[in-house]
Amino acid sequence: GGAREKLAKGVGKYAKKFEDVYQGSDDFWKYFNYHAEQSHLRNALKGATPEQQITYLTKNMDDVSIEMSEAIRRGDVNIDELIKDRAAQIVRDTVPNYNKAASGLVQLGRRLPLGNFISFPAEIYRTGFNIVKQGLDDMASDIPAIQTRGRNRLLSFATTTAVIPAAALEIAYATTGVSREEMDAYKRSFAPRWEKGSVLLPLGKTEDGKIEYINFSTSNPYDTLFRFTN
């Protein structure tokens, strides 16, 4: 009825304010990362030959416009423009994009007041796998500084994705009275096969001593990405 409609509109307006704030933050970090990535590229390419720079920046000529391809063939290439294009590509692929998450994914979820936020975990998957791919591509380069950049990218990503479950586990062990040894013993002897490799967060114990827990891996989008890097 009318009351439900008013409530939905009120929640929708409230959520819209959060979306606007988040949108502004998203734009800022995209701008920041775009310029930071340019700086990284310029430093990494300092010791490379012009041919090596062009090969890397154009993905071996696989990611370049017809106009730029003709300019390169004529020897009339602007390395700085190639750096900007490559930096933009890396940011598009590896930095979560609120607009992308809010536009085309999870159509049913978007009908809800907080629907745009429901779709955002999909961006974590997209950018997570792209970060790994970018790191591996960079490590395959014949430019030493680019190889180092790739290794650092993968190391940083693995560290980030590992911190969240590790912190959650430490908090759970410290507050529930369930020890790490008890949880490990449960996983070895009683946990279903599909949960033996998962992060199980203890919630406490029942009166008869059974451990209560939640499977953190099923609700943590970083879990799949972290396993992929190992």
C-alpha atoms as a PDB file:
ATOM      1  CA  GLY A   1       0.000   0.000   0.000  1.00  0.00           C
ATOM      2  CA  GLY A   2       0.912   3.666   0.388  1.00  0.00           C
ATOM      3  CA  ALA A   3       2.991   3.077   3.528  1.00  0.00           C
ATOM      4  CA  ARG A   4       5.209   0.546   1.765  1.00  0.00           C
ATOM      5  CA  GLU A   5       5.662   2.874  -1.178  1.00  0.00           C
ATOM      6  CA  LYS A   6       6.668   5.753   1.120  1.00  0.00           C
ATOM      7  CA  LEU A   7       9.112   3.487   2.961  1.00  0.00           C
ATOM      8  CA  ALA A   8      10.649   2.278  -0.303  1.00  0.00           C
ATOM      9  CA  LYS A   9      11.020   5.852  -1.565  1.00  0.00           C
ATOM     10  CA  GLY A  10      12.552   6.958   1.727  1.00  0.00           C
ATOM     11  CA  VAL A  11      15.068   4.107   1.758  1.00  0.00           C
ATOM     12  CA  GLY A  12      15.784   4.717  -1.908  1.00  0.00           C
ATOM     13  CA  LYS A  13      16.582   8.405  -1.310  1.00  0.00           C
ATOM     14  CA  TYR A  14      18.748   7.509   1.680  1.00  0.00           C
ATOM     15  CA  ALA A  15      20.647   4.915  -0.334  1.00  0.00           C
ATOM     16  CA  LYS A  16      21.023   7.374  -3.219  1.00  0.00           C
ATOM     17  CA  LYS A  17      22.970   9.728  -0.956  1.00  0.00           C
ATOM     18  CA  PHE A  18      25.393   6.918  -0.135  1.00  0.00           C
ATOM     19  CA  GLU A  19      25.681   6.088  -3.830  1.00  0.00           C
ATOM     20  CA  ASP A  20      26.533   9.703  -4.664  1.00  0.00           C
ATOM     21  CA  VAL A  21      29.233   9.822  -1.982  1.00  0.00           C
ATOM     22  CA  TYR A  22      30.637   6.496  -3.132  1.00  0.00           C
ATOM     23  CA  GLN A  23      30.529   7.647  -6.755  1.00  0.00           C
ATOM     24  CA  GLY A  24      32.665  10.680  -5.909  1.00  0.00           C
ATOM     25  CA  SER A  25      35.170   8.534  -4.034  1.00  0.00           C
ATOM     26  CA  ASP A  26      35.274   6.085  -6.945  1.00  0.00           C
ATOM     27  CA  ASP A  27      36.019   8.881  -9.438  1.00  0.00           C
ATOM     28  CA  PHE A  28      38.777  10.257  -7.222  1.00  0.00           C
ATOM     29  CA  TRP A  29      40.551   6.908  -6.888  1.00  0.00           C
ATOM     30  CA  LYS A  30      40.287   6.198 -10.612  1.00  0.00           C
ATOM     31  CA  TYR A  31      41.903   9.583 -11.311  1.00  0.00           C
ATOM     32  CA  PHE A  32      44.588   8.970  -8.661  1.00  0.00           C
ATOM     33  CA  ASN A  33      45.395   5.474  -9.923  1.00  0.00           C
ATOM     34  CA  TYR A  34      45.505   6.632 -13.543  1.00  0.00           C
ATOM     35  CA  HIS A  35      48.260   9.147 -12.777  1.00  0.00           C
ATOM     36  CA  ALA A  36      50.061   6.784 -10.409  1.00  0.00           C
ATOM     37  CA  GLU A  37      50.105   4.084 -13.089  1.00  0.00           C
ATOM     38  CA  GLN A  38      51.592   6.532 -15.598  1.00  0.00           C
ATOM     39  CA  SER A  39      54.378   7.303 -13.144  1.00  0.00           C
ATOM     40  CA  HIS A  40      55.076   3.603 -12.590  1.00  0.00           C
ATOM     41  CA  LEU A  41      55.227   2.966 -16.323  1.00  0.00           C
ATOM     42  CA  ARG A  42      57.554   5.878 -17.052  1.00  0.00           C
ATOM     43  CA  ASN A  43      59.967   4.754 -14.335  1.00  0.00           C
ATOM     44  CA  ALA A  44      59.868   1.108 -15.421  1.00  0.00           C
ATOM     45  CA  LEU A  45      60.492   1.943 -19.091  1.00  0.00           C
ATOM     46  CA  LYS A  46      63.443   4.300 -18.555  1.00  0.00           C
ATOM     47  CA  GLY A  47      66.096   1.727 -19.406  1.00  0.00           C
ATOM     48  CA  ALA A  48      64.187   0.036 -22.232  1.00  0.00           C
ATOM     49  CA  THR A  49      64.810   0.545 -25.928  1.00  0.00           C
ATOM     50  CA  PRO A  50      62.140   2.359 -27.998  1.00  0.00           C
ATOM     51  CA  GLU A  51      61.242  -0.984 -29.605  1.00  0.00           C
ATOM     52  CA  GLN A  52      60.781  -2.635 -26.200  1.00  0.00           C
ATOM     53  CA  GLN A  53      58.670   0.275 -24.987  1.00  0.00           C
ATOM     54  CA  ILE A  54      56.376   0.150 -28.014  1.00  0.00           C
ATOM     55  CA  THR A  55      56.034  -3.645 -27.816  1.00  0.00           C
ATOM     56  CA  TYR A  56      55.017  -3.510 -24.164  1.00  0.00           C
ATOM     57  CA  LEU A  57      52.776  -0.455 -24.380  1.00  0.00           C
ATOM     58  CA  THR A  58      50.846  -1.819 -27.374  1.00  0.00           C
ATOM     59  CA  LYS A  59      50.727  -5.432 -26.125  1.00  0.00           C
ATOM     60  CA  ASN A  60      52.891  -6.462 -29.060  1.00  0.00           C
ATOM     61  CA  MET A  61      50.666  -4.366 -31.379  1.00  0.00           C
ATOM     62  CA  ASP A  62      47.546  -6.290 -30.316  1.00  0.00           C
ATOM     63  CA  ASP A  63      46.003  -3.321 -28.480  1.00  0.00           C
ATOM     64  CA  VAL A  64      46.452  -0.278 -30.680  1.00  0.00           C
ATOM     65  CA  SER A  65      44.210   1.765 -32.970  1.00  0.00           C
ATOM     66  CA  ILE A  66      44.657   1.792 -36.747  1.00  0.00           C
ATOM     67  CA  GLU A  67      45.783   5.410 -36.587  1.00  0.00           C
ATOM     68  CA  MET A  68      48.401   4.662 -33.939  1.00  0.00           C
ATOM     69  CA  SER A  69      49.546   1.574 -35.828  1.00  0.00           C
ATOM     70  CA  GLU A  70      50.143   3.696 -38.931  1.00  0.00           C
ATOM     71  CA  ALA A  71      51.996   6.315 -36.876  1.00  0.00           C
ATOM     72  CA  ILE A  72      54.256   3.631 -35.388  1.00  0.00           C
ATOM     73  CA  ARG A  73      54.932   2.230 -38.852  1.00  0.00           C
ATOM     74  CA  ARG A  74      55.974   5.703 -40.045  1.00  0.00           C
ATOM     75  CA  GLY A  75      58.180   6.141 -36.974  1.00  0.00           C
ATOM     76  CA  ASP A  76      55.989   9.022 -35.823  1.00  0.00           C
ATOM     77  CA  VAL A  77      54.996   7.619 -32.445  1.00  0.00           C
ATOM     78  CA  ASN A  78      54.321   9.502 -29.239  1.00  0.00           C
ATOM     79  CA  ILE A  79      55.507   7.302 -26.369  1.00  0.00           C
ATOM     80  CA  ASP A  80      53.821   9.542 -23.828  1.00  0.00           C
ATOM     81  CA  GLU A  81      50.439   8.973 -25.479  1.00  0.00           C
ATOM     82  CA  LEU A  82      51.057   5.225 -25.473  1.00  0.00           C
ATOM     83  CA  ILE A  83      51.889   5.378 -21.766  1.00  0.00           C
ATOM     84  CA  LYS A  84      48.629   7.231 -21.075  1.00  0.00           C
ATOM     85  CA  ASP A  85      46.635   4.690 -23.076  1.00  0.00           C
ATOM     86  CA  ARG A  86      48.312   1.748 -21.322  1.00  0.00           C
ATOM     87  CA  ALA A  87      47.798   3.335 -17.901  1.00  0.00           C
ATOM     88  CA  ALA A  88      44.111   3.855 -18.690  1.00  0.00           C
ATOM     89  CA  GLN A  89      43.768   0.202 -19.748  1.00  0.00           C
ATOM     90  CA  ILE A  90      45.425  -1.059 -16.554  1.00  0.00           C
ATOM     91  CA  VAL A  91      43.199   1.124 -14.374  1.00  0.00           C
ATOM     92  CA  ARG A  92      40.052   0.016 -16.241  1.00  0.00           C
ATOM     93  CA  ASP A  93      41.007  -3.619 -15.762  1.00  0.00           C
ATOM     94  CA  THR A  94      42.336  -3.600 -12.205  1.00  0.00           C
ATOM     95  CA  VAL A  95      40.527  -0.849 -10.260  1.00  0.00           C
ATOM     96  CA  PRO A  96      36.922  -1.578  -9.177  1.00  0.00           C
ATOM     97  CA  ASN A  97      34.560   0.631 -11.144  1.00  0.00           C
ATOM     98  CA  TYR A  98      31.334   1.657  -9.396  1.00  0.00           C
ATOM     99  CA  ASN A  99      29.736   2.685 -12.698  1.00  0.00           C
ATOM    100  CA  LYS A 100      30.436  -0.693 -14.280  1.00  0.00           C
ATOM    101  CA  ALA A 101      29.098  -2.560 -11.262  1.00  0.00           C
ATOM    102  CA  ALA A 102      26.010  -0.396 -11.114  1.00  0.00           C
ATOM    103  CA  SER A 103      25.101  -0.521 -14.785  1.00  0.00           C
ATOM    104  CA  GLY A 104      24.885  -4.015 -16.217  1.00  0.00           C
ATOM    105  CA  LEU A 105      25.101  -6.679 -13.513  1.00  0.00           C
ATOM    106  CA  VAL A 106      22.596  -8.413 -11.293  1.00  0.00           C
ATOM    107  CA  GLN A 107      19.465  -6.925 -12.800  1.00  0.00           C
ATOM    108  CA  LEU A 108      17.169  -8.373 -10.149  1.00  0.00           C
ATOM    109  CA  GLY A 109      19.313  -6.992  -7.339  1.00  0.00           C
ATOM    110  CA  ARG A 110      19.294  -3.547  -8.894  1.00  0.00           C
ATOM    111  CA  ARG A 111      15.504  -3.324  -8.362  1.00  0.00           C
ATOM    112  CA  LEU A 112      16.162  -3.269  -4.618  1.00  0.00           C
ATOM    113  CA  PRO A 113      17.039  -0.013  -2.792  1.00  0.00           C
ATOM    114  CA  LEU A 114      20.646  -1.152  -2.323  1.00  0.00           C
ATOM    115  CA  GLY A 115      20.801  -3.098  -5.565  1.00  0.00           C
ATOM    116  CA  ASN A 116      23.796  -1.236  -6.955  1.00  0.00           C
ATOM    117  CA  PHE A 117      25.847  -2.298  -3.939  1.00  0.00           C
ATOM    118  CA  ILE A 118      24.787  -5.925  -4.356  1.00  0.00           C
ATOM    119  CA  SER A 119      26.406  -5.993  -7.796  1.00  0.00           C
ATOM    120  CA  PHE A 120      29.711  -4.575  -6.556  1.00  0.00           C
ATOM    121  CA  PRO A 121      31.254  -7.925  -5.477  1.00  0.00           C
ATOM    122  CA  ALA A 122      31.195  -8.857  -9.168  1.00  0.00           C
ATOM    123  CA  GLU A 123      33.710  -6.041  -9.686  1.00  0.00           C
ATOM    124  CA  ILE A 124      35.983  -7.641  -7.098  1.00  0.00           C
ATOM    125  CA  TYR A 125      36.005 -10.847  -9.142  1.00  0.00           C
ATOM    126  CA  ARG A 126      36.553  -9.006 -12.430  1.00  0.00           C
ATOM    127  CA  THR A 127      39.365  -6.802 -11.204  1.00  0.00           C
ATOM    128  CA  GLY A 128      40.896  -9.538  -9.066  1.00  0.00           C
ATOM    129  CA  PHE A 129      41.432 -11.883 -11.973  1.00  0.00           C
ATOM    130  CA  ASN A 130      42.605  -8.955 -14.099  1.00  0.00           C
ATOM    131  CA  ILE A 131      45.183  -8.028 -11.466  1.00  0.00           C
ATOM    132  CA  VAL A 132      46.555 -11.572 -11.575  1.00  0.00           C
ATOM    133  CA  LYS A 133      46.559 -11.529 -15.385  1.00  0.00           C
ATOM    134  CA  GLN A 134      48.279  -8.133 -15.481  1.00  0.00           C
ATOM    135  CA  GLY A 135      50.908  -9.353 -13.033  1.00  0.00           C
ATOM    136  CA  LEU A 136      51.609 -12.477 -15.070  1.00  0.00           C
ATOM    137  CA  ASP A 137      51.738 -10.497 -18.331  1.00  0.00           C
ATOM    138  CA  ASP A 138      54.233  -8.067 -16.801  1.00  0.00           C
ATOM    139  CA  MET A 139      56.388 -10.905 -15.498  1.00  0.00           C
ATOM    140  CA  ALA A 140      56.572 -12.270 -19.051  1.00  0.00           C
ATOM    141  CA  SER A 141      58.040  -8.979 -20.336  1.00  0.00           C
ATOM    142  CA  ASP A 142      61.706  -8.787 -21.354  1.00  0.00           C
ATOM    143  CA  ILE A 143      62.034  -5.471 -19.494  1.00  0.00           C
ATOM    144  CA  PRO A 144      63.468  -6.158 -15.994  1.00  0.00           C
ATOM    145  CA  ALA A 145      61.652  -3.266 -14.288  1.00  0.00           C
ATOM    146  CA  ILE A 146      58.330  -4.384 -15.776  1.00  0.00           C
ATOM    147  CA  GLN A 147      58.985  -7.922 -14.525  1.00  0.00           C
ATOM    148  CA  THR A 148      59.576  -6.510 -11.048  1.00  0.00           C
ATOM    149  CA  ARG A 149      56.367  -4.497 -11.295  1.00  0.00           C
ATOM    150  CA  GLY A 150      54.476  -7.694 -12.151  1.00  0.00           C
ATOM    151  CA  ARG A 151      55.932  -9.601  -9.195  1.00  0.00           C
ATOM    152  CA  ASN A 152      55.128  -6.737  -6.834  1.00  0.00           C
ATOM    153  CA  ARG A 153      51.573  -6.546  -8.174  1.00  0.00           C
ATOM    154  CA  LEU A 154      50.983 -10.237  -7.497  1.00  0.00           C
ATOM    155  CA  LEU A 155      52.628 -10.087  -4.070  1.00  0.00           C
ATOM    156  CA  SER A 156      50.551  -7.070  -3.055  1.00  0.00           C
ATOM    157  CA  PHE A 157      47.360  -8.741  -4.267  1.00  0.00           C
ATOM    158  CA  ALA A 158      48.090 -12.003  -2.456  1.00  0.00           C
ATOM    159  CA  THR A 159      48.875 -10.099   0.745  1.00  0.00           C
ATOM    160  CA  THR A 160      45.663  -8.051   0.534  1.00  0.00           C
ATOM    161  CA  THR A 161      43.398 -11.033  -0.088  1.00  0.00           C
ATOM    162  CA  ALA A 162      45.019 -13.001   2.748  1.00  0.00           C
ATOM    163  CA  VAL A 163      44.653 -10.279   5.395  1.00  0.00           C
ATOM    164  CA  ILE A 164      40.832 -10.301   5.526  1.00  0.00           C
ATOM    165  CA  PRO A 165      40.270 -13.996   6.416  1.00  0.00           C
ATOM    166  CA  ALA A 166      43.322 -14.064   8.700  1.00  0.00           C
ATOM    167  CA  ALA A 167      42.047 -11.090  10.695  1.00  0.00           C
ATOM    168  CA  ALA A 168      38.533 -12.547  10.895  1.00  0.00           C
ATOM    169  CA  LEU A 169      39.919 -15.847  12.206  1.00  0.00           C
ATOM    170  CA  GLU A 170      42.048 -14.199  14.861  1.00  0.00           C
ATOM    171  CA  ILE A 171      39.063 -12.220  16.130  1.00  0.00           C
ATOM    172  CA  ALA A 172      36.914 -15.360  16.190  1.00  0.00           C
ATOM    173  CA  TYR A 173      39.507 -17.400  18.091  1.00  0.00           C
ATOM    174  CA  ALA A 174      39.972 -14.606  20.604  1.00  0.00           C
ATOM    175  CA  THR A 175      36.270 -14.066  21.328  1.00  0.00           C
ATOM    176  CA  THR A 176      34.473 -17.434  20.983  1.00  0.00           C
ATOM    177  CA  GLY A 177      36.475 -19.737  23.256  1.00  0.00           C
ATOM    178  CA  VAL A 178      37.190 -22.076  20.340  1.00  0.00           C
ATOM    179  CA  SER A 179      40.914 -22.627  19.786  1.00  0.00           C
ATOM    180  CA  ARG A 180      42.708 -22.983  16.490  1.00  0.00           C
ATOM    181  CA  GLU A 181      43.650 -26.566  17.409  1.00  0.00           C
ATOM    182  CA  GLU A 182      39.995 -27.478  18.039  1.00  0.00           C
ATOM    183  CA  MET A 183      38.905 -25.949  14.731  1.00  0.00           C
ATOM    184  CA  ASP A 184      41.693 -27.708  12.815  1.00  0.00           C
ATOM    185  CA  ALA A 185      40.776 -31.043  14.460  1.00  0.00           C
ATOM    186  CA  TYR A 186      37.124 -30.558  13.481  1.00  0.00           C
ATOM    187  CA  LYS A 187      38.069 -29.820   9.866  1.00  0.00           C
ATOM    188  CA  ARG A 188      40.279 -32.920   9.690  1.00  0.00           C
ATOM    189  CA  SER A 189      37.770 -35.329  11.214  1.00  0.00           C
ATOM    190  CA  PHE A 190      34.218 -34.035  10.840  1.00  0.00           C
ATOM    191  CA  ALA A 191      33.934 -31.255   8.260  1.00  0.00           C
ATOM    192  CA  PRO A 192      32.282 -32.139   4.928  1.00  0.00           C
ATOM    193  CA  ARG A 193      34.744 -32.688   2.092  1.00  0.00           C
ATOM    194  CA  TRP A 194      33.823 -29.382   0.406  1.00  0.00           C
ATOM    195  CA  GLU A 195      34.635 -27.439   3.571  1.00  0.00           C
ATOM    196  CA  LYS A 196      38.047 -28.906   4.394  1.00  0.00           C
ATOM    197  CA  GLY A 197      39.858 -26.213   2.391  1.00  0.00           C
ATOM    198  CA  SER A 198      37.537 -23.389   3.456  1.00  0.00           C
ATOM    199  CA  VAL A 199      37.951 -20.698   6.099  1.00  0.00           C
ATOM    200  CA  LEU A 200      35.593 -21.724   8.914  1.00  0.00           C
ATOM    201  CA  LEU A 201      34.920 -19.019  11.500  1.00  0.00           C
ATOM    202  CA  PRO A 202      33.968 -20.434  14.925  1.00  0.00           C
ATOM    203  CA  LEU A 203      30.946 -18.846  16.597  1.00  0.00           C
ATOM    204  CA  GLY A 204      31.142 -20.795  19.866  1.00  0.00           C
ATOM    205  CA  LYS A 205      30.055 -24.168  21.210  1.00  0.00           C
ATOM    206  CA  THR A 206      26.710 -25.774  21.907  1.00  0.00           C
ATOM    207  CA  GLU A 207      25.839 -27.142  25.345  1.00  0.00           C
ATOM    208  CA  ASP A 208      27.043 -30.591  24.320  1.00  0.00           C
ATOM    209  CA  GLY A 209      30.425 -29.213  23.157  1.00  0.00           C
ATOM    210  CA  LYS A 210      29.854 -29.155  19.403  1.00  0.00           C
ATOM    211  CA  ILE A 211      31.519 -26.301  17.515  1.00  0.00           C
ATOM    212  CA  GLU A 212      29.227 -23.823  15.797  1.00  0.00           C
ATOM    213  CA  TYR A 213      30.713 -21.968  12.834  1.00  0.00           C
ATOM    214  CA  ILE A 214      30.091 -20.211   9.548  1.00  0.00           C
ATOM    215  CA  ASN A 215      31.854 -20.898   6.265  1.00  0.00           C
ATOM    216  CA  PHE A 216      33.560 -17.562   5.614  1.00  0.00           C
ATOM    217  CA  SER A 217      34.783 -18.691   2.192  1.00  0.00           C
ATOM    218  CA  THR A 218      31.255 -18.856   0.780  1.00  0.00           C
ATOM    219  CA  SER A 219      30.576 -15.180   1.576  1.00  0.00           C
ATOM    220  CA  ASN A 220      34.038 -13.742   0.932  1.00  0.00           C
ATOM    221  CA  PRO A 221      34.627 -12.933  -2.759  1.00  0.00           C
ATOM    222  CA  TYR A 222      38.362 -12.611  -2.088  1.00  0.00           C
ATOM    223  CA  ASP A 223      38.545 -16.307  -1.158  1.00  0.00           C
ATOM    224  CA  THR A 224      38.430 -17.611  -4.725  1.00  0.00           C
ATOM    225  CA  LEU A 225      40.883 -14.964  -5.856  1.00  0.00           C
ATOM    226  CA  PHE A 226      43.346 -15.781  -3.066  1.00  0.00           C
ATOM    227  CA  ARG A 227      43.249 -19.496  -3.925  1.00  0.00           C
ATOM    228  CA  PHE A 228      43.850 -18.574  -7.562  1.00  0.00           C
ATOM    229  CA  THR A 229      47.102 -16.793  -6.665  1.00  0.00           C
ATOM    230  CA  ASN A 230      48.470 -19.744  -4.735  1.00  0.00           C
END
